[in-house]
N, C-alpha and C. Protein backbone atom coordinates (compact mmCIF):
# COMPACT_ATOMS: atom_id res chain seq x y z
N MET A 1 41.55 59.44 33.06
CA MET A 1 40.69 59.25 31.90
C MET A 1 41.13 60.16 30.77
N MET A 2 41.52 61.29 31.07
CA MET A 2 41.94 62.29 30.10
C MET A 2 43.22 61.77 29.41
N ARG A 3 44.14 61.20 30.15
CA ARG A 3 45.40 60.69 29.57
C ARG A 3 45.19 59.56 28.60
N ALA A 4 44.21 58.71 28.76
CA ALA A 4 43.95 57.59 27.90
C ALA A 4 43.38 58.06 26.57
N LEU A 5 42.62 59.12 26.58
CA LEU A 5 42.08 59.65 25.36
C LEU A 5 43.05 60.45 24.50
N ARG A 6 44.03 61.00 25.16
CA ARG A 6 44.99 61.80 24.46
C ARG A 6 45.73 61.07 23.29
N PRO A 7 46.26 59.82 23.49
CA PRO A 7 46.89 59.17 22.36
C PRO A 7 45.90 58.83 21.21
N LEU A 8 44.65 58.60 21.58
CA LEU A 8 43.65 58.32 20.54
C LEU A 8 43.36 59.58 19.71
N THR A 9 43.29 60.68 20.32
CA THR A 9 43.02 61.94 19.64
C THR A 9 44.19 62.29 18.71
N VAL A 10 45.42 62.09 19.21
CA VAL A 10 46.61 62.33 18.38
C VAL A 10 46.61 61.42 17.19
N LEU A 11 46.29 60.16 17.38
CA LEU A 11 46.28 59.22 16.31
C LEU A 11 45.15 59.52 15.29
N ARG A 12 43.96 59.95 15.81
CA ARG A 12 42.90 60.30 14.92
C ARG A 12 43.25 61.54 14.10
N ARG A 13 43.88 62.54 14.77
CA ARG A 13 44.27 63.77 14.06
C ARG A 13 45.31 63.45 12.95
N PHE A 14 46.24 62.53 13.29
CA PHE A 14 47.28 62.11 12.30
C PHE A 14 46.59 61.39 11.15
N TRP A 15 45.65 60.55 11.43
CA TRP A 15 44.96 59.74 10.35
C TRP A 15 44.15 60.61 9.43
N CYS A 16 43.53 61.65 9.91
CA CYS A 16 42.69 62.58 9.16
C CYS A 16 43.48 63.67 8.45
N GLU A 17 44.78 63.79 8.74
CA GLU A 17 45.59 64.86 8.09
C GLU A 17 45.72 64.55 6.60
N GLU A 18 45.48 65.59 5.77
CA GLU A 18 45.51 65.44 4.33
C GLU A 18 46.54 66.31 3.63
N SER A 19 47.42 66.91 4.36
CA SER A 19 48.38 67.81 3.71
C SER A 19 49.38 67.07 2.85
N GLY A 20 49.75 65.87 3.12
CA GLY A 20 50.75 65.13 2.32
C GLY A 20 50.11 64.16 1.33
N ALA A 21 48.82 64.08 1.27
CA ALA A 21 48.15 63.11 0.39
C ALA A 21 48.35 63.41 -1.06
N VAL A 22 48.38 64.67 -1.45
CA VAL A 22 48.53 65.06 -2.84
C VAL A 22 49.90 64.68 -3.34
N ALA A 23 50.94 64.94 -2.55
CA ALA A 23 52.30 64.68 -2.98
C ALA A 23 52.49 63.12 -3.09
N SER A 24 51.93 62.32 -2.18
CA SER A 24 52.17 60.89 -2.31
C SER A 24 51.36 60.35 -3.46
N LEU A 25 50.18 60.94 -3.79
CA LEU A 25 49.43 60.46 -4.96
C LEU A 25 50.22 60.77 -6.23
N GLU A 26 50.79 61.92 -6.34
CA GLU A 26 51.62 62.21 -7.55
C GLU A 26 52.80 61.30 -7.64
N PHE A 27 53.43 60.98 -6.53
CA PHE A 27 54.54 60.08 -6.52
C PHE A 27 54.16 58.71 -7.04
N VAL A 28 53.04 58.19 -6.54
CA VAL A 28 52.60 56.84 -6.95
C VAL A 28 52.21 56.85 -8.41
N LEU A 29 51.67 57.94 -8.98
CA LEU A 29 51.28 57.99 -10.38
C LEU A 29 52.45 58.16 -11.30
N ILE A 30 53.49 58.90 -10.85
CA ILE A 30 54.64 59.25 -11.74
C ILE A 30 55.77 58.27 -11.65
N LEU A 31 55.90 57.57 -10.51
CA LEU A 31 57.03 56.60 -10.35
C LEU A 31 57.07 55.56 -11.41
N PRO A 32 55.98 54.87 -11.82
CA PRO A 32 56.09 53.90 -12.90
C PRO A 32 56.57 54.50 -14.22
N LEU A 33 56.20 55.74 -14.49
CA LEU A 33 56.68 56.38 -15.73
C LEU A 33 58.15 56.61 -15.69
N PHE A 34 58.68 57.11 -14.58
CA PHE A 34 60.14 57.31 -14.45
C PHE A 34 60.88 56.00 -14.49
N MET A 35 60.38 54.97 -13.84
CA MET A 35 61.03 53.69 -13.86
C MET A 35 61.05 53.10 -15.24
N THR A 36 59.98 53.29 -15.99
CA THR A 36 59.98 52.82 -17.38
C THR A 36 61.05 53.56 -18.22
N PHE A 37 61.15 54.82 -18.08
CA PHE A 37 62.17 55.61 -18.83
C PHE A 37 63.58 55.13 -18.37
N PHE A 38 63.76 54.88 -17.13
CA PHE A 38 65.05 54.41 -16.62
C PHE A 38 65.41 53.06 -17.24
N LEU A 39 64.46 52.12 -17.17
CA LEU A 39 64.70 50.75 -17.71
C LEU A 39 64.93 50.77 -19.24
N VAL A 40 64.19 51.56 -19.97
CA VAL A 40 64.38 51.72 -21.41
C VAL A 40 65.77 52.26 -21.70
N GLY A 41 66.16 53.27 -20.95
CA GLY A 41 67.47 53.86 -21.13
C GLY A 41 68.60 52.85 -20.83
N MET A 42 68.44 52.10 -19.75
CA MET A 42 69.43 51.11 -19.36
C MET A 42 69.55 50.02 -20.42
N GLU A 43 68.43 49.49 -20.90
CA GLU A 43 68.42 48.44 -21.94
C GLU A 43 69.05 48.97 -23.22
N HIS A 44 68.72 50.17 -23.61
CA HIS A 44 69.24 50.73 -24.84
C HIS A 44 70.75 50.96 -24.68
N GLY A 45 71.20 51.45 -23.55
CA GLY A 45 72.63 51.62 -23.35
C GLY A 45 73.42 50.34 -23.42
N LEU A 46 72.86 49.28 -22.86
CA LEU A 46 73.54 47.97 -22.91
C LEU A 46 73.54 47.45 -24.33
N MET A 47 72.50 47.67 -25.11
CA MET A 47 72.43 47.22 -26.49
C MET A 47 73.48 47.98 -27.33
N VAL A 48 73.57 49.27 -27.14
CA VAL A 48 74.51 50.07 -27.92
C VAL A 48 75.92 49.66 -27.55
N THR A 49 76.21 49.40 -26.27
CA THR A 49 77.51 48.98 -25.86
C THR A 49 77.91 47.60 -26.49
N ARG A 50 76.94 46.70 -26.52
CA ARG A 50 77.16 45.43 -27.13
C ARG A 50 77.46 45.59 -28.67
N GLN A 51 76.69 46.49 -29.30
CA GLN A 51 76.88 46.79 -30.77
C GLN A 51 78.30 47.30 -30.98
N VAL A 52 78.76 48.25 -30.24
CA VAL A 52 80.06 48.86 -30.39
C VAL A 52 81.17 47.81 -30.16
N LEU A 53 81.05 46.98 -29.13
CA LEU A 53 82.04 45.95 -28.82
C LEU A 53 82.11 44.90 -29.95
N LEU A 54 80.93 44.52 -30.47
CA LEU A 54 80.89 43.57 -31.54
C LEU A 54 81.54 44.08 -32.79
N GLU A 55 81.28 45.36 -33.13
CA GLU A 55 81.86 45.97 -34.35
C GLU A 55 83.37 46.10 -34.15
N ARG A 56 83.84 46.48 -32.98
CA ARG A 56 85.29 46.61 -32.75
C ARG A 56 85.99 45.28 -32.83
N SER A 57 85.38 44.24 -32.20
CA SER A 57 86.06 42.93 -32.29
C SER A 57 86.05 42.37 -33.73
N LEU A 58 84.99 42.67 -34.47
CA LEU A 58 84.95 42.22 -35.86
C LEU A 58 86.01 42.95 -36.71
N ASP A 59 86.18 44.27 -36.45
CA ASP A 59 87.23 45.03 -37.16
C ASP A 59 88.60 44.52 -36.82
N LEU A 60 88.90 44.19 -35.56
CA LEU A 60 90.24 43.70 -35.23
C LEU A 60 90.48 42.31 -35.82
N THR A 61 89.44 41.51 -35.85
CA THR A 61 89.61 40.17 -36.49
C THR A 61 89.76 40.29 -38.00
N VAL A 62 89.05 41.19 -38.60
CA VAL A 62 89.19 41.43 -40.05
C VAL A 62 90.58 41.95 -40.36
N ARG A 63 91.11 42.78 -39.54
CA ARG A 63 92.43 43.31 -39.78
C ARG A 63 93.50 42.16 -39.79
N GLU A 64 93.38 41.26 -38.85
CA GLU A 64 94.29 40.08 -38.81
C GLU A 64 94.11 39.20 -39.99
N LEU A 65 92.85 39.04 -40.37
CA LEU A 65 92.54 38.19 -41.55
C LEU A 65 93.07 38.82 -42.82
N ARG A 66 92.88 40.13 -42.96
CA ARG A 66 93.32 40.80 -44.19
C ARG A 66 94.84 40.83 -44.29
N LEU A 67 95.51 40.93 -43.18
CA LEU A 67 96.98 40.95 -43.21
C LEU A 67 97.61 39.58 -43.30
N GLY A 68 96.82 38.54 -43.28
CA GLY A 68 97.32 37.17 -43.43
C GLY A 68 97.87 36.62 -42.14
N ARG A 69 97.49 37.14 -41.01
CA ARG A 69 98.01 36.63 -39.73
C ARG A 69 97.25 35.38 -39.22
N VAL A 70 96.15 35.05 -39.90
CA VAL A 70 95.40 33.82 -39.55
C VAL A 70 95.75 32.82 -40.63
N PRO A 71 96.53 31.79 -40.28
CA PRO A 71 97.02 30.83 -41.28
C PRO A 71 95.94 30.07 -42.08
N SER A 72 95.04 29.42 -41.42
CA SER A 72 93.99 28.72 -42.15
C SER A 72 92.62 29.05 -41.46
N PRO A 73 92.04 30.10 -41.83
CA PRO A 73 90.84 30.51 -41.13
C PRO A 73 89.61 29.62 -41.49
N ASP A 74 88.81 29.29 -40.48
CA ASP A 74 87.56 28.62 -40.66
C ASP A 74 86.51 29.29 -39.80
N HIS A 75 85.25 28.84 -39.95
CA HIS A 75 84.19 29.50 -39.18
C HIS A 75 84.39 29.51 -37.68
N ASP A 76 84.83 28.34 -37.12
CA ASP A 76 84.98 28.23 -35.67
C ASP A 76 86.15 29.10 -35.14
N LEU A 77 87.25 29.15 -35.94
CA LEU A 77 88.39 29.99 -35.52
C LEU A 77 88.05 31.47 -35.56
N LEU A 78 87.40 31.91 -36.67
CA LEU A 78 87.02 33.31 -36.73
C LEU A 78 86.03 33.73 -35.64
N LYS A 79 85.07 32.82 -35.37
CA LYS A 79 84.06 33.05 -34.33
C LYS A 79 84.75 33.14 -32.94
N GLN A 80 85.75 32.27 -32.74
CA GLN A 80 86.46 32.32 -31.45
C GLN A 80 87.30 33.59 -31.33
N MET A 81 87.94 34.03 -32.38
CA MET A 81 88.69 35.25 -32.33
C MET A 81 87.83 36.45 -32.01
N ILE A 82 86.60 36.52 -32.58
CA ILE A 82 85.67 37.61 -32.29
C ILE A 82 85.15 37.48 -30.85
N CYS A 83 84.82 36.26 -30.43
CA CYS A 83 84.34 36.08 -29.08
C CYS A 83 85.33 36.42 -27.99
N ASP A 84 86.61 36.17 -28.26
CA ASP A 84 87.67 36.44 -27.32
C ASP A 84 87.81 37.94 -27.08
N ARG A 85 87.37 38.78 -28.03
CA ARG A 85 87.53 40.23 -27.97
C ARG A 85 86.24 40.90 -27.55
N THR A 86 85.16 40.16 -27.35
CA THR A 86 83.87 40.80 -27.05
C THR A 86 83.42 40.34 -25.67
N PRO A 87 83.58 41.19 -24.64
CA PRO A 87 83.27 40.74 -23.29
C PRO A 87 81.79 40.68 -22.88
N LEU A 88 80.91 41.39 -23.53
CA LEU A 88 79.55 41.44 -23.11
C LEU A 88 78.58 40.49 -23.84
N ILE A 89 79.12 39.55 -24.55
CA ILE A 89 78.29 38.55 -25.17
C ILE A 89 78.38 37.25 -24.39
N ASP A 90 77.25 36.92 -23.74
CA ASP A 90 77.24 35.70 -22.95
C ASP A 90 77.10 34.49 -23.84
N ASP A 91 77.89 33.49 -23.60
CA ASP A 91 77.85 32.21 -24.41
C ASP A 91 77.98 32.59 -25.85
N CYS A 92 79.08 33.28 -26.17
CA CYS A 92 79.31 33.87 -27.44
C CYS A 92 79.35 32.85 -28.64
N THR A 93 79.93 31.71 -28.36
CA THR A 93 80.12 30.77 -29.48
C THR A 93 78.80 30.20 -29.98
N THR A 94 77.80 30.17 -29.12
CA THR A 94 76.46 29.70 -29.56
C THR A 94 75.53 30.86 -29.98
N ALA A 95 75.85 32.10 -29.59
CA ALA A 95 75.04 33.22 -29.90
C ALA A 95 75.44 33.94 -31.18
N LEU A 96 76.62 33.64 -31.70
CA LEU A 96 77.20 34.37 -32.84
C LEU A 96 77.17 33.52 -34.09
N MET A 97 76.90 34.18 -35.23
CA MET A 97 76.94 33.47 -36.52
C MET A 97 77.66 34.41 -37.47
N LEU A 98 78.56 33.83 -38.27
CA LEU A 98 79.40 34.64 -39.20
C LEU A 98 79.01 34.27 -40.68
N GLU A 99 79.20 35.25 -41.49
CA GLU A 99 79.04 35.06 -42.96
C GLU A 99 80.19 35.82 -43.64
N LEU A 100 80.92 35.14 -44.44
CA LEU A 100 82.05 35.72 -45.16
C LEU A 100 81.94 35.30 -46.59
N ARG A 101 81.90 36.26 -47.53
CA ARG A 101 81.76 35.95 -48.95
C ARG A 101 82.40 37.06 -49.78
N PRO A 102 82.85 36.69 -50.98
CA PRO A 102 83.35 37.73 -51.89
C PRO A 102 82.16 38.46 -52.57
N VAL A 103 82.44 39.72 -52.88
CA VAL A 103 81.46 40.53 -53.56
C VAL A 103 82.06 40.94 -54.93
N SER A 104 81.34 40.59 -55.97
CA SER A 104 81.81 40.89 -57.35
C SER A 104 81.80 42.38 -57.53
N THR A 105 82.94 42.92 -57.97
CA THR A 105 83.01 44.36 -58.26
C THR A 105 82.52 44.65 -59.71
N GLN A 106 82.18 43.57 -60.45
CA GLN A 106 81.60 43.75 -61.74
C GLN A 106 80.12 44.00 -61.72
N ILE A 107 79.41 43.16 -60.98
CA ILE A 107 77.95 43.24 -60.88
C ILE A 107 77.40 43.60 -59.52
N TRP A 108 78.26 43.69 -58.55
CA TRP A 108 77.89 44.09 -57.16
C TRP A 108 76.74 43.25 -56.66
N ASP A 109 76.96 41.95 -56.57
CA ASP A 109 75.97 41.04 -56.08
C ASP A 109 76.07 41.00 -54.54
N LEU A 110 75.40 41.93 -53.90
CA LEU A 110 75.36 42.05 -52.48
C LEU A 110 74.43 40.97 -51.88
N PRO A 111 74.73 40.58 -50.67
CA PRO A 111 73.85 39.58 -50.00
C PRO A 111 72.53 40.20 -49.59
N GLN A 112 71.67 39.39 -49.05
CA GLN A 112 70.36 39.84 -48.51
C GLN A 112 70.61 40.93 -47.48
N PRO A 113 69.65 41.87 -47.42
CA PRO A 113 69.86 42.95 -46.46
C PRO A 113 69.84 42.51 -44.99
N THR A 114 69.09 41.43 -44.71
CA THR A 114 69.08 40.89 -43.31
C THR A 114 70.10 39.81 -43.14
N ALA A 115 70.85 39.87 -42.11
CA ALA A 115 71.86 38.84 -41.88
C ALA A 115 71.24 37.59 -41.28
N THR A 116 71.83 36.45 -41.54
CA THR A 116 71.41 35.22 -41.00
C THR A 116 71.94 35.09 -39.58
N CYS A 117 71.03 34.85 -38.66
CA CYS A 117 71.35 34.82 -37.19
C CYS A 117 71.04 33.42 -36.64
N VAL A 118 71.55 33.19 -35.44
CA VAL A 118 71.30 31.90 -34.79
C VAL A 118 69.81 31.88 -34.41
N ASP A 119 69.21 30.72 -34.64
CA ASP A 119 67.84 30.49 -34.23
C ASP A 119 67.86 29.62 -32.99
N ARG A 120 67.64 30.19 -31.85
CA ARG A 120 67.74 29.45 -30.60
C ARG A 120 66.67 28.41 -30.36
N ASP A 121 65.59 28.53 -31.12
CA ASP A 121 64.48 27.55 -31.00
C ASP A 121 64.70 26.29 -31.85
N ALA A 122 65.54 26.45 -32.89
CA ALA A 122 65.73 25.33 -33.84
C ALA A 122 66.80 24.37 -33.38
N ALA A 123 66.57 23.10 -33.66
CA ALA A 123 67.60 22.09 -33.32
C ALA A 123 68.77 22.18 -34.32
N ILE A 124 68.48 22.46 -35.58
CA ILE A 124 69.50 22.63 -36.57
C ILE A 124 69.58 24.07 -37.01
N GLN A 125 70.80 24.60 -36.92
CA GLN A 125 71.00 26.04 -37.21
C GLN A 125 71.08 26.29 -38.73
N PRO A 126 70.69 27.52 -39.14
CA PRO A 126 70.84 27.88 -40.55
C PRO A 126 72.31 27.87 -40.94
N THR A 127 72.56 27.67 -42.20
CA THR A 127 73.95 27.70 -42.72
C THR A 127 74.23 29.03 -43.35
N THR A 128 75.49 29.35 -43.22
CA THR A 128 76.00 30.64 -43.82
C THR A 128 77.20 30.29 -44.67
N THR A 129 77.55 31.28 -45.52
CA THR A 129 78.65 31.13 -46.44
C THR A 129 79.93 31.54 -45.73
N LEU A 130 81.01 30.76 -45.90
CA LEU A 130 82.33 31.15 -45.41
C LEU A 130 83.26 30.87 -46.54
N ASP A 131 83.34 31.79 -47.48
CA ASP A 131 84.21 31.74 -48.65
C ASP A 131 85.34 32.70 -48.49
N LEU A 132 86.53 32.20 -48.42
CA LEU A 132 87.71 33.08 -48.20
C LEU A 132 88.09 33.92 -49.40
N GLY A 133 87.61 33.60 -50.56
CA GLY A 133 87.90 34.34 -51.78
C GLY A 133 89.31 34.15 -52.28
N LEU A 134 89.63 34.89 -53.33
CA LEU A 134 90.96 34.82 -53.94
C LEU A 134 91.70 36.16 -53.71
N ALA A 135 92.90 36.23 -54.18
CA ALA A 135 93.68 37.48 -54.06
C ALA A 135 92.98 38.62 -54.81
N ASN A 136 92.94 39.77 -54.19
CA ASN A 136 92.33 41.00 -54.73
C ASN A 136 90.81 40.95 -54.79
N ASP A 137 90.20 39.97 -54.13
CA ASP A 137 88.74 39.89 -54.06
C ASP A 137 88.25 40.85 -52.95
N MET A 138 87.16 41.55 -53.25
CA MET A 138 86.52 42.31 -52.21
C MET A 138 85.64 41.42 -51.35
N MET A 139 85.81 41.42 -50.06
CA MET A 139 85.17 40.46 -49.17
C MET A 139 84.22 41.24 -48.23
N LEU A 140 83.05 40.63 -47.94
CA LEU A 140 82.12 41.13 -47.00
C LEU A 140 81.93 40.15 -45.93
N ILE A 141 82.08 40.60 -44.69
CA ILE A 141 81.87 39.71 -43.50
C ILE A 141 80.80 40.37 -42.61
N ARG A 142 79.88 39.52 -42.16
CA ARG A 142 78.80 39.92 -41.20
C ARG A 142 78.81 39.01 -40.03
N ALA A 143 78.67 39.59 -38.87
CA ALA A 143 78.50 38.86 -37.62
C ALA A 143 77.18 39.26 -37.00
N CYS A 144 76.39 38.24 -36.68
CA CYS A 144 75.06 38.46 -36.05
C CYS A 144 75.08 37.76 -34.68
N ALA A 145 74.77 38.48 -33.66
CA ALA A 145 74.71 37.94 -32.27
C ALA A 145 73.34 38.11 -31.76
N MET A 146 72.80 37.08 -31.09
CA MET A 146 71.47 37.10 -30.50
C MET A 146 71.59 37.30 -28.98
N PHE A 147 70.68 38.08 -28.42
CA PHE A 147 70.68 38.41 -27.03
C PHE A 147 69.30 38.26 -26.43
N ASP A 148 69.29 37.86 -25.13
CA ASP A 148 68.08 37.97 -24.37
C ASP A 148 68.00 39.40 -23.80
N PRO A 149 66.88 40.05 -23.89
CA PRO A 149 66.81 41.38 -23.27
C PRO A 149 66.86 41.25 -21.68
N VAL A 150 67.40 42.25 -21.11
CA VAL A 150 67.48 42.24 -19.64
C VAL A 150 66.06 42.38 -19.08
N PHE A 151 65.29 43.26 -19.69
CA PHE A 151 63.91 43.48 -19.26
C PHE A 151 63.01 43.09 -20.48
N PRO A 152 62.46 41.90 -20.48
CA PRO A 152 61.74 41.38 -21.66
C PRO A 152 60.60 42.30 -22.16
N PHE A 153 59.99 43.02 -21.29
CA PHE A 153 58.89 43.87 -21.70
C PHE A 153 59.38 45.19 -22.35
N ASN A 154 60.72 45.33 -22.43
CA ASN A 154 61.28 46.63 -22.74
C ASN A 154 62.08 46.63 -24.06
N VAL A 155 61.80 45.72 -24.97
CA VAL A 155 62.55 45.67 -26.20
C VAL A 155 62.15 46.91 -27.04
N GLN A 156 63.17 47.49 -27.75
CA GLN A 156 62.98 48.73 -28.51
C GLN A 156 62.13 48.44 -29.77
N ASN A 157 60.85 48.40 -29.60
CA ASN A 157 59.97 48.06 -30.73
C ASN A 157 60.16 48.98 -31.90
N GLY A 158 60.31 48.40 -33.07
CA GLY A 158 60.49 49.22 -34.29
C GLY A 158 61.92 49.56 -34.60
N TYR A 159 62.78 49.51 -33.62
CA TYR A 159 64.17 49.90 -33.85
C TYR A 159 65.15 48.74 -33.92
N VAL A 160 64.80 47.67 -33.26
CA VAL A 160 65.67 46.49 -33.19
C VAL A 160 64.90 45.27 -33.66
N PRO A 161 65.55 44.42 -34.55
CA PRO A 161 64.83 43.26 -34.98
C PRO A 161 64.65 42.32 -33.78
N VAL A 162 63.42 41.82 -33.62
CA VAL A 162 63.09 40.95 -32.45
C VAL A 162 62.56 39.68 -33.05
N THR A 163 62.95 38.55 -32.47
CA THR A 163 62.51 37.20 -32.87
C THR A 163 61.19 36.90 -32.19
N THR A 164 60.60 35.78 -32.56
CA THR A 164 59.33 35.39 -31.95
C THR A 164 59.42 35.06 -30.46
N ASN A 165 60.60 34.64 -29.98
CA ASN A 165 60.76 34.32 -28.58
C ASN A 165 61.35 35.48 -27.77
N GLY A 166 61.40 36.70 -28.38
CA GLY A 166 61.79 37.89 -27.64
C GLY A 166 63.23 38.27 -27.68
N ASP A 167 64.08 37.51 -28.35
CA ASP A 167 65.51 37.83 -28.48
C ASP A 167 65.67 38.95 -29.47
N TYR A 168 66.77 39.71 -29.33
CA TYR A 168 67.08 40.70 -30.34
C TYR A 168 68.45 40.45 -30.91
N ALA A 169 68.63 40.91 -32.18
CA ALA A 169 69.86 40.57 -32.93
C ALA A 169 70.66 41.90 -33.07
N ILE A 170 71.95 41.73 -32.97
CA ILE A 170 72.88 42.84 -33.29
C ILE A 170 73.78 42.37 -34.41
N VAL A 171 73.89 43.22 -35.46
CA VAL A 171 74.62 42.82 -36.65
C VAL A 171 75.78 43.80 -36.85
N ALA A 172 77.00 43.24 -37.07
CA ALA A 172 78.12 44.07 -37.41
C ALA A 172 78.61 43.64 -38.80
N THR A 173 78.96 44.61 -39.65
CA THR A 173 79.34 44.33 -41.05
C THR A 173 80.67 45.00 -41.31
N SER A 174 81.56 44.35 -42.06
CA SER A 174 82.79 44.95 -42.44
C SER A 174 83.18 44.43 -43.85
N ALA A 175 83.93 45.22 -44.56
CA ALA A 175 84.42 44.85 -45.88
C ALA A 175 85.90 45.08 -45.97
N PHE A 176 86.53 44.26 -46.76
CA PHE A 176 88.02 44.38 -46.99
C PHE A 176 88.35 43.77 -48.30
N VAL A 177 89.55 44.03 -48.76
CA VAL A 177 90.09 43.42 -49.99
C VAL A 177 91.20 42.47 -49.63
N ASN A 178 91.12 41.21 -50.12
CA ASN A 178 92.20 40.28 -49.89
C ASN A 178 93.51 40.79 -50.52
N GLU A 179 94.56 40.70 -49.73
CA GLU A 179 95.88 41.12 -50.20
C GLU A 179 96.38 40.12 -51.26
N PRO A 180 97.08 40.64 -52.28
CA PRO A 180 97.67 39.70 -53.26
C PRO A 180 98.79 38.88 -52.59
N ASP A 181 99.01 37.71 -53.19
CA ASP A 181 100.02 36.83 -52.62
C ASP A 181 101.42 37.31 -52.88
């Protein structure tokens, strides 16, 4: 009889033990906060990496364009050259939009501060200017890429432009002068 009660008393004593309850309660309360910081940091790191890669690929493409290594550039060719150099843009040719235009050095007619980006919800995409300019023209090129966030609840509110469907845009800008013929 005594042996049958012994496991029950050990189990009851274990069930009523409260020494570890405070630590587990703190863990349960603080874990979501740490996970949120971790996810925000991971999303931000991926966003910054995509920004750097897009800027680098745009600079390499602009260098070839400026030196005349691209015989007859058009929107699709320039987009493909940028996409070939940017590894972290999924479905790059549909996520990227380019704008290339001359900037007058007389009146400095700069374009709108916000770049035109792909609208994933629209059947017809917005149009952008692709004007190659003349010799000695100062040229401005902008590339805008749209991304789905890895964690949709975690977009950097206030720091990154976000569309109505939750995508965020990364814009890279470069300027150069067309070489004389």
